[in-house]
Structure formats: structure tokens, C-alpha cells
Amino acid sequence: MRVGLFAGMAEAAGCRHLDVPWTRGSVADLRAALEALQPSVGPLLARSAIAVSGRYVADAADVPAGSEVAVIPPVSGG
């Protein structure tokens, strides 16, 4: 499954997406898989929102294979 990365998350990973071997699991499982695949994103990943099929979801939510997934890091501005 291809996971889109944005802003500081893309900078931390050094790319705009990560391809994660995935069949099915929760958002929490996906966070663990992403950190295992790219440890440099761990600290920011813990504070980032996850969107599945265009909707923000909680860590307990199911992520079916083939879903459109995006990791949205915290945003600051002024």
C-alpha cells in the first residue's frame, strides 16, 4: 500500500510516499509498520494525523488493503 507523506513528514523520510507491505490492520498497526520501515519518521509520526480514504481516523480504525492513506504532520503557522 502506498502511503502519502506531507510537509515535515516527507522531509523526515526523504520521500513523498512509502510503500508498505499491507493486507489489513488498524491505524496503530500502520503507524508501527511505517516506523519499522523508516525509523526516522517515528518521533513525528506519533504526533501526526492519519487520513484513510480522505477522512481522519483514530488509531483503532481499520485500514483495508488498497486504501488511500496520508500522514499529515502537525502544522504551525502565524
Protein backbone atom coordinates (compact mmCIF):
# COMPACT_ATOMS: atom_id res chain seq x y z
CA MET A 1 0.00 0.00 0.00
CA ARG A 2 1.34 3.43 -0.87
CA VAL A 3 1.20 5.95 1.99
CA GLY A 4 1.45 9.65 1.11
CA LEU A 5 3.71 11.84 3.24
CA PHE A 6 3.43 15.60 3.53
CA ALA A 7 5.41 18.58 4.84
CA GLY A 8 7.79 17.71 7.69
CA MET A 9 6.94 14.01 7.41
CA ALA A 10 8.15 13.91 3.80
CA GLU A 11 11.29 15.79 4.85
CA ALA A 12 11.97 13.34 7.71
CA ALA A 13 11.53 10.34 5.40
CA GLY A 14 13.34 11.91 2.45
CA CYS A 15 10.47 11.00 0.11
CA ARG A 16 6.81 11.83 -0.64
CA HIS A 17 5.48 8.31 -0.12
CA LEU A 18 6.32 4.95 1.43
CA ASP A 19 5.25 1.59 0.04
CA VAL A 20 4.17 -0.59 2.96
CA PRO A 21 3.52 -4.34 2.69
CA TRP A 22 -0.08 -4.45 3.94
CA THR A 23 -3.05 -6.78 3.98
CA ARG A 24 -5.19 -5.32 6.76
CA GLY A 25 -4.85 -3.88 10.25
CA SER A 26 -5.52 -0.85 12.40
CA VAL A 27 -4.11 2.64 12.13
CA ALA A 28 -1.95 1.80 15.16
CA ASP A 29 -0.59 -1.22 13.25
CA LEU A 30 0.10 1.01 10.27
CA ARG A 31 1.99 3.52 12.42
CA ALA A 32 4.17 0.66 13.72
CA ALA A 33 4.79 -0.62 10.17
CA LEU A 34 5.74 2.86 8.94
CA GLU A 35 8.17 3.38 11.82
CA ALA A 36 9.74 -0.06 11.25
CA LEU A 37 10.15 0.75 7.55
CA GLN A 38 11.50 4.28 8.11
CA PRO A 39 12.66 4.81 11.74
CA SER A 40 13.48 8.48 11.12
CA VAL A 41 9.74 9.31 10.99
CA GLY A 42 8.98 7.84 14.44
CA PRO A 43 9.00 10.99 16.58
CA LEU A 44 6.88 12.99 14.13
CA LEU A 45 4.63 10.05 13.26
CA ALA A 46 3.43 9.79 16.86
CA ARG A 47 2.05 13.36 16.64
CA SER A 48 0.67 13.13 13.10
CA ALA A 49 -2.88 12.59 11.91
CA ILE A 50 -3.71 9.69 9.61
CA ALA A 51 -6.28 10.03 6.84
CA VAL A 52 -7.78 6.93 5.22
CA SER A 53 -9.79 7.45 2.04
CA GLY A 54 -9.91 11.20 2.67
CA ARG A 55 -11.08 11.07 6.32
CA TYR A 56 -9.10 11.49 9.50
CA VAL A 57 -9.29 8.34 11.60
CA ALA A 58 -8.39 7.20 15.13
CA ASP A 59 -5.70 4.63 15.88
CA ALA A 60 -8.32 1.91 16.43
CA ALA A 61 -9.79 2.35 12.92
CA ASP A 62 -9.38 -0.41 10.35
CA VAL A 63 -7.18 0.20 7.29
CA PRO A 64 -8.12 -2.22 4.50
CA ALA A 65 -5.54 -3.12 1.85
CA GLY A 66 -5.65 -0.77 -1.11
CA SER A 67 -6.85 2.21 0.92
CA GLU A 68 -5.68 5.71 0.08
CA VAL A 69 -3.66 6.72 3.14
CA ALA A 70 -1.96 10.02 4.02
CA VAL A 71 0.11 11.04 7.02
CA ILE A 72 -0.48 14.67 7.98
CA PRO A 73 2.07 16.09 10.44
CA PRO A 74 1.17 18.88 12.87
CA VAL A 75 1.04 22.30 11.24
CA SER A 76 2.23 25.52 12.78
CA GLY A 77 1.72 28.98 11.46
CA GLY A 78 1.20 32.51 12.39
